[in-house]
Amino acid sequence: MMKDKKKLKSILLTLIEFIALIFLTRFMFTKVVMPVSVDGSSMKPTVYDRDIGLVNVFDASHQEYHRFDVVVIKMDEKKDYLIKRVIGLPGETIAYRDDHLYVNGVLVEEDFLDKEYVEATKKELNSPTFTQDVIEITLKENEYYCLGDNRPHSSDSRVYGPFRYDEIKGKGILILFPFNHMTWAD
């Protein structure tokens, strides 16, 4: 009889530990970090198609996003997440002319762009520009203008319009797989 009680107690304890582990894992992968899988080449050469990583989503509703942050966006009408780079911040006026970014009329350098990749892509596409001209757009208080790093092959704010603050789910991606792509994209 005592043996049966000990066995039942052991089974119940194991079950409770297993349930606690499930809740802890779910919490970790929804409230602290979120796994992401890159789908497409829109952020190449920063991250590549089929890269797998983790994005910081801890306290996402209170994070500040800065120009050139790499962010993960969840749009209501799309099932997938988008990975893009913040170009324009709330209240700013953004324009692209002749491959140059202007914020509130002032030229802003995009030093994160891989110059060799930009030139090779322009040559491959036989195009004088990497980023198509964008007529001036003024962002509202809660809007961010986000683009992919591979501008000719990216559906981003040029297609969807500005993204709202609540659509951005986190920033900075730790690419874990494949191992030869391991990097911190921020």
N, C-alpha and C. Protein backbone atom coordinates (compact mmCIF):
# COMPACT_ATOMS: atom_id res chain seq x y z
N MET A 1 0.81 -1.20 0.00
CA MET A 1 0.00 0.00 0.00
C MET A 1 0.86 1.27 0.00
N MET A 2 1.90 1.30 0.84
CA MET A 2 2.81 2.42 0.89
C MET A 2 3.55 2.60 -0.43
N LYS A 3 3.91 1.47 -1.04
CA LYS A 3 4.61 1.52 -2.32
C LYS A 3 3.72 2.16 -3.38
N ASP A 4 2.45 1.83 -3.40
CA ASP A 4 1.51 2.38 -4.37
C ASP A 4 1.35 3.89 -4.19
N LYS A 5 1.30 4.35 -2.96
CA LYS A 5 1.18 5.79 -2.68
C LYS A 5 2.43 6.54 -3.14
N LYS A 6 3.61 5.95 -2.88
CA LYS A 6 4.85 6.57 -3.32
C LYS A 6 4.92 6.64 -4.84
N LYS A 7 4.48 5.58 -5.49
CA LYS A 7 4.49 5.55 -6.96
C LYS A 7 3.52 6.58 -7.53
N LEU A 8 2.33 6.68 -6.95
CA LEU A 8 1.34 7.66 -7.39
C LEU A 8 1.86 9.08 -7.16
N LYS A 9 2.48 9.31 -6.01
CA LYS A 9 3.05 10.62 -5.71
C LYS A 9 4.15 10.97 -6.70
N SER A 10 4.99 10.00 -7.04
CA SER A 10 6.06 10.22 -8.01
C SER A 10 5.49 10.55 -9.40
N ILE A 11 4.46 9.86 -9.80
CA ILE A 11 3.83 10.11 -11.11
C ILE A 11 3.21 11.51 -11.13
N LEU A 12 2.50 11.87 -10.07
CA LEU A 12 1.88 13.20 -9.99
C LEU A 12 2.93 14.30 -10.00
N LEU A 13 4.02 14.11 -9.27
CA LEU A 13 5.10 15.10 -9.24
C LEU A 13 5.72 15.25 -10.63
N THR A 14 5.95 14.15 -11.32
CA THR A 14 6.50 14.19 -12.69
C THR A 14 5.53 14.91 -13.62
N LEU A 15 4.25 14.65 -13.51
CA LEU A 15 3.23 15.31 -14.33
C LEU A 15 3.21 16.81 -14.07
N ILE A 16 3.27 17.21 -12.81
CA ILE A 16 3.29 18.64 -12.47
C ILE A 16 4.55 19.31 -13.03
N GLU A 17 5.69 18.66 -12.90
CA GLU A 17 6.93 19.20 -13.45
C GLU A 17 6.84 19.35 -14.97
N PHE A 18 6.26 18.36 -15.63
CA PHE A 18 6.11 18.41 -17.09
C PHE A 18 5.20 19.56 -17.51
N ILE A 19 4.09 19.73 -16.81
CA ILE A 19 3.16 20.83 -17.13
C ILE A 19 3.83 22.18 -16.87
N ALA A 20 4.57 22.29 -15.77
CA ALA A 20 5.29 23.53 -15.47
C ALA A 20 6.33 23.84 -16.55
N LEU A 21 7.01 22.81 -17.03
CA LEU A 21 8.00 22.98 -18.10
C LEU A 21 7.34 23.47 -19.38
N ILE A 22 6.18 22.95 -19.70
CA ILE A 22 5.45 23.39 -20.89
C ILE A 22 5.09 24.87 -20.77
N PHE A 23 4.55 25.29 -19.62
CA PHE A 23 4.18 26.69 -19.43
C PHE A 23 5.40 27.61 -19.45
N LEU A 24 6.49 27.18 -18.82
CA LEU A 24 7.71 27.98 -18.81
C LEU A 24 8.27 28.13 -20.23
N THR A 25 8.29 27.05 -20.99
CA THR A 25 8.78 27.10 -22.37
C THR A 25 7.90 28.02 -23.21
N ARG A 26 6.60 27.87 -23.08
CA ARG A 26 5.67 28.73 -23.83
C ARG A 26 5.90 30.20 -23.47
N PHE A 27 6.05 30.49 -22.19
CA PHE A 27 6.31 31.85 -21.75
C PHE A 27 7.61 32.38 -22.36
N MET A 28 8.68 31.59 -22.29
CA MET A 28 9.98 32.01 -22.82
C MET A 28 9.90 32.34 -24.31
N PHE A 29 9.18 31.49 -25.08
CA PHE A 29 9.16 31.65 -26.53
C PHE A 29 8.01 32.51 -27.03
N THR A 30 7.30 33.19 -26.14
CA THR A 30 6.29 34.15 -26.58
C THR A 30 6.47 35.51 -25.92
N LYS A 31 7.06 35.54 -24.73
CA LYS A 31 7.18 36.80 -23.98
C LYS A 31 8.61 37.30 -23.83
N VAL A 32 9.60 36.46 -24.06
CA VAL A 32 10.99 36.86 -23.89
C VAL A 32 11.70 36.87 -25.24
N VAL A 33 11.73 35.73 -25.91
CA VAL A 33 12.28 35.63 -27.26
C VAL A 33 11.29 34.85 -28.11
N MET A 34 11.30 35.16 -29.39
CA MET A 34 10.41 34.48 -30.32
C MET A 34 11.25 33.90 -31.45
N PRO A 35 11.06 32.61 -31.76
CA PRO A 35 11.79 32.06 -32.90
C PRO A 35 11.27 32.66 -34.21
N VAL A 36 12.20 32.94 -35.13
CA VAL A 36 11.82 33.46 -36.45
C VAL A 36 12.57 32.67 -37.51
N SER A 37 11.91 32.52 -38.63
CA SER A 37 12.51 31.88 -39.80
C SER A 37 12.43 32.87 -40.94
N VAL A 38 13.56 33.15 -41.55
CA VAL A 38 13.60 34.11 -42.65
C VAL A 38 13.03 33.46 -43.89
N ASP A 39 12.09 34.14 -44.52
CA ASP A 39 11.44 33.64 -45.72
C ASP A 39 11.66 34.64 -46.85
N GLY A 40 12.62 34.37 -47.71
CA GLY A 40 12.89 35.26 -48.83
C GLY A 40 14.21 35.98 -48.69
N SER A 41 14.51 36.78 -49.71
CA SER A 41 15.82 37.44 -49.79
C SER A 41 15.75 38.94 -49.54
N SER A 42 14.66 39.44 -48.97
CA SER A 42 14.48 40.88 -48.84
C SER A 42 15.47 41.56 -47.90
N MET A 43 16.12 40.80 -47.01
CA MET A 43 17.09 41.40 -46.08
C MET A 43 18.52 40.99 -46.39
N LYS A 44 18.73 40.33 -47.51
CA LYS A 44 20.07 39.92 -47.93
C LYS A 44 20.92 41.15 -48.17
N PRO A 45 22.14 41.22 -47.80
CA PRO A 45 23.01 40.21 -47.20
C PRO A 45 23.06 40.25 -45.67
N THR A 46 22.15 40.97 -45.01
CA THR A 46 22.14 41.00 -43.55
C THR A 46 21.71 39.66 -42.98
N VAL A 47 20.58 39.14 -43.46
CA VAL A 47 20.12 37.79 -43.14
C VAL A 47 19.66 37.15 -44.44
N TYR A 48 19.68 35.83 -44.47
CA TYR A 48 19.42 35.09 -45.70
C TYR A 48 18.16 34.23 -45.60
N ASP A 49 17.62 33.89 -46.77
CA ASP A 49 16.48 33.00 -46.86
C ASP A 49 16.76 31.72 -46.08
N ARG A 50 15.82 31.31 -45.27
CA ARG A 50 15.86 30.09 -44.45
C ARG A 50 16.77 30.18 -43.23
N ASP A 51 17.32 31.36 -42.93
CA ASP A 51 18.03 31.53 -41.67
C ASP A 51 17.01 31.37 -40.53
N ILE A 52 17.46 30.86 -39.41
CA ILE A 52 16.60 30.68 -38.24
C ILE A 52 17.25 31.38 -37.07
N GLY A 53 16.44 32.12 -36.32
CA GLY A 53 17.00 32.85 -35.19
C GLY A 53 15.97 33.17 -34.14
N LEU A 54 16.38 34.02 -33.22
CA LEU A 54 15.52 34.46 -32.12
C LEU A 54 15.48 35.98 -32.11
N VAL A 55 14.29 36.53 -31.87
CA VAL A 55 14.14 37.98 -31.76
C VAL A 55 13.71 38.31 -30.33
N ASN A 56 14.25 39.38 -29.81
CA ASN A 56 13.91 39.85 -28.48
C ASN A 56 12.51 40.47 -28.51
N VAL A 57 11.55 39.86 -27.83
CA VAL A 57 10.19 40.40 -27.77
C VAL A 57 9.84 40.83 -26.34
N PHE A 58 10.81 40.70 -25.44
CA PHE A 58 10.55 41.07 -24.05
C PHE A 58 10.19 42.55 -23.97
N ASP A 59 9.05 42.82 -23.39
CA ASP A 59 8.59 44.19 -23.20
C ASP A 59 8.47 44.95 -24.52
N ALA A 60 8.08 44.24 -25.60
CA ALA A 60 7.98 44.85 -26.93
C ALA A 60 7.04 46.04 -26.96
N SER A 61 6.02 46.03 -26.13
CA SER A 61 5.05 47.13 -26.15
C SER A 61 5.62 48.41 -25.55
N HIS A 62 6.82 48.33 -24.96
CA HIS A 62 7.45 49.53 -24.38
C HIS A 62 8.82 49.83 -24.99
N GLN A 63 9.20 49.07 -26.01
CA GLN A 63 10.51 49.30 -26.62
C GLN A 63 10.51 50.57 -27.45
N GLU A 64 11.66 51.18 -27.52
CA GLU A 64 11.85 52.30 -28.44
C GLU A 64 12.55 51.75 -29.67
N TYR A 65 12.11 52.20 -30.83
CA TYR A 65 12.73 51.78 -32.08
C TYR A 65 13.45 52.98 -32.67
N HIS A 66 14.66 52.72 -33.13
CA HIS A 66 15.52 53.78 -33.66
C HIS A 66 15.77 53.53 -35.14
N ARG A 67 16.20 54.58 -35.80
CA ARG A 67 16.53 54.46 -37.22
C ARG A 67 17.60 53.38 -37.40
N PHE A 68 17.35 52.51 -38.36
CA PHE A 68 18.22 51.42 -38.79
C PHE A 68 18.17 50.19 -37.89
N ASP A 69 17.27 50.16 -36.89
CA ASP A 69 17.05 48.92 -36.15
C ASP A 69 16.46 47.87 -37.08
N VAL A 70 16.88 46.62 -36.93
CA VAL A 70 16.26 45.49 -37.63
C VAL A 70 15.10 45.05 -36.74
N VAL A 71 13.89 44.99 -37.33
CA VAL A 71 12.70 44.68 -36.56
C VAL A 71 11.90 43.54 -37.21
N VAL A 72 11.07 42.91 -36.38
CA VAL A 72 10.15 41.88 -36.86
C VAL A 72 8.75 42.48 -36.77
N ILE A 73 8.03 42.39 -37.90
CA ILE A 73 6.72 43.03 -38.02
C ILE A 73 5.65 41.97 -38.26
N LYS A 74 4.54 42.09 -37.57
CA LYS A 74 3.38 41.21 -37.78
C LYS A 74 2.24 42.07 -38.29
N MET A 75 1.87 41.83 -39.54
CA MET A 75 0.76 42.58 -40.13
C MET A 75 -0.53 41.78 -39.96
N ASP A 76 -1.62 42.47 -39.71
CA ASP A 76 -2.90 41.80 -39.50
C ASP A 76 -3.30 40.92 -40.68
N GLU A 77 -3.08 41.42 -41.91
CA GLU A 77 -3.54 40.70 -43.10
C GLU A 77 -2.59 39.60 -43.57
N LYS A 78 -1.40 39.52 -43.01
CA LYS A 78 -0.45 38.47 -43.40
C LYS A 78 -0.26 37.50 -42.25
N LYS A 79 -0.09 36.23 -42.57
CA LYS A 79 0.13 35.22 -41.54
C LYS A 79 1.59 35.19 -41.09
N ASP A 80 2.49 35.57 -41.98
CA ASP A 80 3.91 35.51 -41.68
C ASP A 80 4.39 36.82 -41.06
N TYR A 81 5.57 36.75 -40.49
CA TYR A 81 6.24 37.93 -39.96
C TYR A 81 7.17 38.47 -41.03
N LEU A 82 7.35 39.78 -41.05
CA LEU A 82 8.30 40.43 -41.95
C LEU A 82 9.51 40.87 -41.14
N ILE A 83 10.69 40.75 -41.74
CA ILE A 83 11.90 41.26 -41.12
C ILE A 83 12.37 42.42 -41.99
N LYS A 84 12.44 43.60 -41.39
CA LYS A 84 12.79 44.82 -42.13
C LYS A 84 13.68 45.70 -41.27
N ARG A 85 14.09 46.83 -41.84
CA ARG A 85 14.93 47.79 -41.13
C ARG A 85 14.16 49.11 -41.03
N VAL A 86 14.16 49.70 -39.84
CA VAL A 86 13.49 50.99 -39.63
C VAL A 86 14.29 52.08 -40.34
N ILE A 87 13.60 52.80 -41.22
CA ILE A 87 14.22 53.90 -41.96
C ILE A 87 13.69 55.25 -41.47
N GLY A 88 12.37 55.32 -41.29
CA GLY A 88 11.74 56.57 -40.87
C GLY A 88 11.00 56.41 -39.55
N LEU A 89 11.07 57.43 -38.72
CA LEU A 89 10.46 57.43 -37.39
C LEU A 89 9.22 58.31 -37.37
N PRO A 90 8.37 58.14 -36.36
CA PRO A 90 7.13 58.93 -36.28
C PRO A 90 7.38 60.43 -36.43
N GLY A 91 6.53 61.06 -37.26
CA GLY A 91 6.59 62.50 -37.47
C GLY A 91 7.60 62.96 -38.51
N GLU A 92 8.44 62.08 -39.01
CA GLU A 92 9.47 62.48 -39.98
C GLU A 92 8.92 62.45 -41.40
N THR A 93 9.58 63.21 -42.27
CA THR A 93 9.30 63.16 -43.69
C THR A 93 10.46 62.45 -44.37
N ILE A 94 10.13 61.37 -45.09
CA ILE A 94 11.13 60.49 -45.70
C ILE A 94 11.04 60.65 -47.22
N ALA A 95 12.20 60.65 -47.87
CA ALA A 95 12.25 60.65 -49.34
C ALA A 95 13.52 59.94 -49.78
N TYR A 96 13.44 59.29 -50.94
CA TYR A 96 14.62 58.72 -51.60
C TYR A 96 14.71 59.37 -52.96
N ARG A 97 15.89 59.92 -53.26
CA ARG A 97 16.16 60.49 -54.58
C ARG A 97 17.56 60.05 -55.00
N ASP A 98 17.64 59.43 -56.17
CA ASP A 98 18.93 59.01 -56.73
C ASP A 98 19.75 58.18 -55.73
N ASP A 99 19.09 57.21 -55.10
CA ASP A 99 19.73 56.29 -54.15
C ASP A 99 20.16 56.95 -52.84
N HIS A 100 19.63 58.10 -52.52
CA HIS A 100 19.98 58.80 -51.28
C HIS A 100 18.74 58.98 -50.42
N LEU A 101 18.90 58.72 -49.13
CA LEU A 101 17.84 58.88 -48.15
C LEU A 101 17.86 60.30 -47.61
N TYR A 102 16.69 60.92 -47.61
CA TYR A 102 16.53 62.25 -47.01
C TYR A 102 15.49 62.15 -45.91
N VAL A 103 15.87 62.63 -44.72
CA VAL A 103 14.95 62.68 -43.58
C VAL A 103 14.76 64.14 -43.24
N ASN A 104 13.52 64.60 -43.35
CA ASN A 104 13.20 66.02 -43.12
C ASN A 104 14.10 66.92 -43.98
N GLY A 105 14.37 66.47 -45.21
CA GLY A 105 15.16 67.25 -46.15
C GLY A 105 16.66 67.15 -45.98
N VAL A 106 17.14 66.41 -44.99
CA VAL A 106 18.57 66.29 -44.71
C VAL A 106 19.05 64.91 -45.17
N LEU A 107 20.16 64.87 -45.91
CA LEU A 107 20.75 63.62 -46.37
C LEU A 107 21.22 62.79 -45.18
N VAL A 108 20.84 61.50 -45.17
CA VAL A 108 21.24 60.58 -44.11
C VAL A 108 21.94 59.39 -44.77
N GLU A 109 23.16 59.10 -44.32
CA GLU A 109 23.93 57.99 -44.87
C GLU A 109 23.39 56.66 -44.34
N GLU A 110 23.35 55.66 -45.20
CA GLU A 110 22.93 54.32 -44.81
C GLU A 110 24.16 53.42 -44.78
N ASP A 111 24.99 53.60 -43.76
CA ASP A 111 26.26 52.90 -43.67
C ASP A 111 26.12 51.39 -43.50
N PHE A 112 24.96 50.91 -43.10
CA PHE A 112 24.75 49.47 -42.91
C PHE A 112 24.68 48.72 -44.23
N LEU A 113 24.37 49.42 -45.33
CA LEU A 113 24.27 48.76 -46.64
C LEU A 113 25.65 48.32 -47.11
N ASP A 114 25.75 47.10 -47.59
CA ASP A 114 26.98 46.53 -48.11
C ASP A 114 27.22 47.14 -49.50
N LYS A 115 28.19 48.02 -49.60
CA LYS A 115 28.43 48.77 -50.85
C LYS A 115 28.72 47.86 -52.04
N GLU A 116 29.51 46.80 -51.81
CA GLU A 116 29.81 45.87 -52.89
C GLU A 116 28.55 45.15 -53.36
N TYR A 117 27.71 44.76 -52.42
CA TYR A 117 26.46 44.08 -52.77
C TYR A 117 25.54 45.03 -53.55
N VAL A 118 25.46 46.28 -53.11
CA VAL A 118 24.63 47.27 -53.79
C VAL A 118 25.09 47.44 -55.24
N GLU A 119 26.38 47.62 -55.44
CA GLU A 119 26.90 47.83 -56.80
C GLU A 119 26.72 46.59 -57.67
N ALA A 120 26.96 45.41 -57.12
CA ALA A 120 26.78 44.16 -57.88
C ALA A 120 25.32 43.97 -58.28
N THR A 121 24.41 44.30 -57.38
CA THR A 121 22.98 44.15 -57.68
C THR A 121 22.54 45.15 -58.75
N LYS A 122 23.01 46.38 -58.65
CA LYS A 122 22.67 47.38 -59.67
C LYS A 122 23.18 46.93 -61.05
N LYS A 123 24.40 46.39 -61.07
CA LYS A 123 24.98 45.91 -62.33
C LYS A 123 24.17 44.72 -62.87
N GLU A 124 23.85 43.77 -61.98
CA GLU A 124 23.08 42.58 -62.37
C GLU A 124 21.71 42.95 -62.94
N LEU A 125 21.06 43.95 -62.33
CA LEU A 125 19.73 44.38 -62.77
C LEU A 125 19.79 45.45 -63.86
N ASN A 126 21.02 45.87 -64.20
CA ASN A 126 21.20 46.94 -65.17
C ASN A 126 20.35 48.16 -64.79
N SER A 127 20.50 48.56 -63.52
CA SER A 127 19.71 49.65 -62.96
C SER A 127 20.64 50.73 -62.41
N PRO A 128 20.32 51.98 -62.62
CA PRO A 128 21.17 53.05 -62.08
C PRO A 128 21.00 53.23 -60.57
N THR A 129 19.90 52.69 -60.00
CA THR A 129 19.67 52.86 -58.57
C THR A 129 19.39 51.52 -57.89
N PHE A 130 19.69 51.47 -56.60
CA PHE A 130 19.41 50.31 -55.77
C PHE A 130 18.06 50.47 -55.07
N THR A 131 17.78 51.70 -54.64
CA THR A 131 16.51 52.03 -54.00
C THR A 131 15.74 52.94 -54.94
N GLN A 132 14.56 52.46 -55.36
CA GLN A 132 13.76 53.29 -56.24
C GLN A 132 13.39 54.59 -55.53
N ASP A 133 13.21 55.65 -56.31
CA ASP A 133 12.84 56.92 -55.72
C ASP A 133 11.51 56.79 -54.97
N VAL A 134 11.44 57.43 -53.83
CA VAL A 134 10.22 57.48 -53.03
C VAL A 134 9.88 58.94 -52.87
N ILE A 135 8.70 59.29 -53.37
CA ILE A 135 8.29 60.68 -53.17
C ILE A 135 8.11 60.91 -51.68
N GLU A 136 8.17 62.12 -51.27
CA GLU A 136 8.11 62.41 -49.84
C GLU A 136 6.87 61.82 -49.19
N ILE A 137 7.10 61.20 -48.05
CA ILE A 137 6.00 60.67 -47.24
C ILE A 137 6.24 61.14 -45.81
N THR A 138 5.21 61.73 -45.21
CA THR A 138 5.30 62.19 -43.82
C THR A 138 4.58 61.18 -42.94
N LEU A 139 5.30 60.70 -41.97
CA LEU A 139 4.78 59.66 -41.07
C LEU A 139 3.96 60.28 -39.95
N LYS A 140 2.90 59.57 -39.58
CA LYS A 140 2.07 60.00 -38.45
C LYS A 140 2.78 59.65 -37.15
N GLU A 141 2.17 60.03 -36.04
CA GLU A 141 2.78 59.88 -34.73
C GLU A 141 3.11 58.43 -34.37
N ASN A 142 2.38 57.46 -34.88
CA ASN A 142 2.55 56.06 -34.50
C ASN A 142 3.11 55.21 -35.64
N GLU A 143 3.74 55.83 -36.65
CA GLU A 143 4.14 55.11 -37.86
C GLU A 143 5.65 55.06 -38.04
N TYR A 144 6.07 53.94 -38.66
CA TYR A 144 7.49 53.71 -38.97
C TYR A 144 7.59 53.30 -40.43
N TYR A 145 8.58 53.85 -41.12
CA TYR A 145 8.83 53.48 -42.51
C TYR A 145 9.95 52.46 -42.49
N CYS A 146 9.67 51.24 -42.97
CA CYS A 146 10.63 50.15 -42.89
C CYS A 146 10.89 49.56 -44.26
N LEU A 147 12.15 49.29 -44.57
CA LEU A 147 12.56 48.72 -45.85
C LEU A 147 13.42 47.50 -45.63
N GLY A 148 13.44 46.62 -46.63
CA GLY A 148 14.38 45.51 -46.63
C GLY A 148 15.74 46.01 -47.09
N ASP A 149 16.80 45.32 -46.67
CA ASP A 149 18.16 45.72 -47.09
C ASP A 149 18.41 45.39 -48.56
N ASN A 150 17.67 44.46 -49.11
CA ASN A 150 17.80 44.08 -50.52
C ASN A 150 16.67 44.79 -51.28
N ARG A 151 16.81 46.09 -51.42
CA ARG A 151 15.74 46.97 -51.90
C ARG A 151 15.04 46.53 -53.19
N PRO A 152 15.77 46.06 -54.21
CA PRO A 152 15.07 45.67 -55.44
C PRO A 152 14.19 44.43 -55.26
N HIS A 153 14.40 43.67 -54.19
CA HIS A 153 13.67 42.42 -53.99
C HIS A 153 12.94 42.40 -52.65
N SER A 154 12.37 43.53 -52.26
CA SER A 154 11.72 43.61 -50.95
C SER A 154 10.33 44.23 -51.06
N SER A 155 9.37 43.56 -50.46
CA SER A 155 8.05 44.15 -50.26
C SER A 155 8.07 44.73 -48.84
N ASP A 156 7.91 46.02 -48.75
CA ASP A 156 8.10 46.71 -47.48
C ASP A 156 7.17 47.92 -47.43
N SER A 157 7.56 48.99 -46.78
CA SER A 157 6.70 50.17 -46.67
C SER A 157 6.38 50.79 -48.03
N ARG A 158 7.21 50.52 -49.02
CA ARG A 158 6.91 51.02 -50.36
C ARG A 158 5.68 50.32 -50.93
N VAL A 159 5.39 49.11 -50.46
CA VAL A 159 4.23 48.33 -50.92
C VAL A 159 3.09 48.44 -49.91
N TYR A 160 3.37 48.22 -48.63
CA TYR A 160 2.35 48.14 -47.59
C TYR A 160 2.05 49.48 -46.92
N GLY A 161 2.90 50.47 -47.15
CA GLY A 161 2.76 51.73 -46.43
C GLY A 161 3.48 51.64 -45.10
N PRO A 162 3.42 52.71 -44.32
CA PRO A 162 4.09 52.71 -43.02
C PRO A 162 3.50 51.63 -42.10
N PHE A 163 4.33 51.16 -41.17
CA PHE A 163 3.88 50.17 -40.19
C PHE A 163 3.60 50.88 -38.87
N ARG A 164 2.57 50.41 -38.17
CA ARG A 164 2.22 50.97 -36.88
C ARG A 164 3.13 50.39 -35.78
N TYR A 165 3.27 51.15 -34.71
CA TYR A 165 4.09 50.72 -33.58
C TYR A 165 3.66 49.35 -33.08
N ASP A 166 2.36 49.12 -32.98
CA ASP A 166 1.87 47.85 -32.43
C ASP A 166 2.07 46.67 -33.37
N GLU A 167 2.45 46.91 -34.63
CA GLU A 167 2.75 45.83 -35.56
C GLU A 167 4.19 45.34 -35.41
N ILE A 168 5.04 46.14 -34.79
CA ILE A 168 6.43 45.76 -34.58
C ILE A 168 6.50 44.93 -33.31
N LYS A 169 6.97 43.70 -33.45
CA LYS A 169 6.94 42.74 -32.34
C LYS A 169 8.26 42.61 -31.59
N GLY A 170 9.33 43.14 -32.15
CA GLY A 170 10.61 43.07 -31.47
C GLY A 170 11.72 43.56 -32.38
N LYS A 171 12.90 43.71 -31.78
CA LYS A 171 14.03 44.18 -32.58
C LYS A 171 15.27 43.37 -32.26
N GLY A 172 16.15 43.32 -33.24
CA GLY A 172 17.39 42.57 -33.10
C GLY A 172 17.15 41.09 -33.24
N ILE A 173 17.86 40.45 -34.15
CA ILE A 173 17.68 39.02 -34.38
C ILE A 173 19.02 38.33 -34.21
N LEU A 174 19.03 37.31 -33.38
CA LEU A 174 20.21 36.46 -33.23
C LEU A 174 20.02 35.28 -34.18
N ILE A 175 20.77 35.27 -35.28
CA ILE A 175 20.69 34.16 -36.24
C ILE A 175 21.51 33.00 -35.68
N LEU A 176 20.86 31.86 -35.53
CA LEU A 176 21.50 30.69 -34.93
C LEU A 176 21.81 29.58 -35.94
N PHE A 177 21.04 29.53 -37.03
CA PHE A 177 21.20 28.45 -37.98
C PHE A 177 20.93 28.96 -39.39
N PRO A 178 21.67 28.55 -40.39
CA PRO A 178 22.80 27.64 -40.31
C PRO A 178 23.98 28.28 -39.58
N PHE A 179 24.82 27.44 -39.03
CA PHE A 179 25.90 27.91 -38.17
C PHE A 179 26.84 28.89 -38.87
N ASN A 180 27.04 28.73 -40.18
CA ASN A 180 27.94 29.65 -40.88
C ASN A 180 27.32 31.02 -41.09
N HIS A 181 26.04 31.20 -40.78
CA HIS A 181 25.38 32.51 -40.86
C HIS A 181 25.20 33.14 -39.49
N MET A 182 25.67 32.47 -38.44
CA MET A 182 25.43 32.94 -37.08
C MET A 182 25.90 34.38 -36.94
N THR A 183 24.98 35.24 -36.51
CA THR A 183 25.28 36.65 -36.37
C THR A 183 24.21 37.32 -35.53
N TRP A 184 24.49 38.55 -35.12
CA TRP A 184 23.51 39.39 -34.43
C TRP A 184 23.12 40.48 -35.42
N ALA A 185 21.88 40.45 -35.91
CA ALA A 185 21.41 41.47 -36.86
C ALA A 185 20.59 42.49 -36.08
N ASP A 186 21.16 43.66 -35.94
CA ASP A 186 20.43 44.70 -35.21
C ASP A 186 20.52 45.99 -35.96
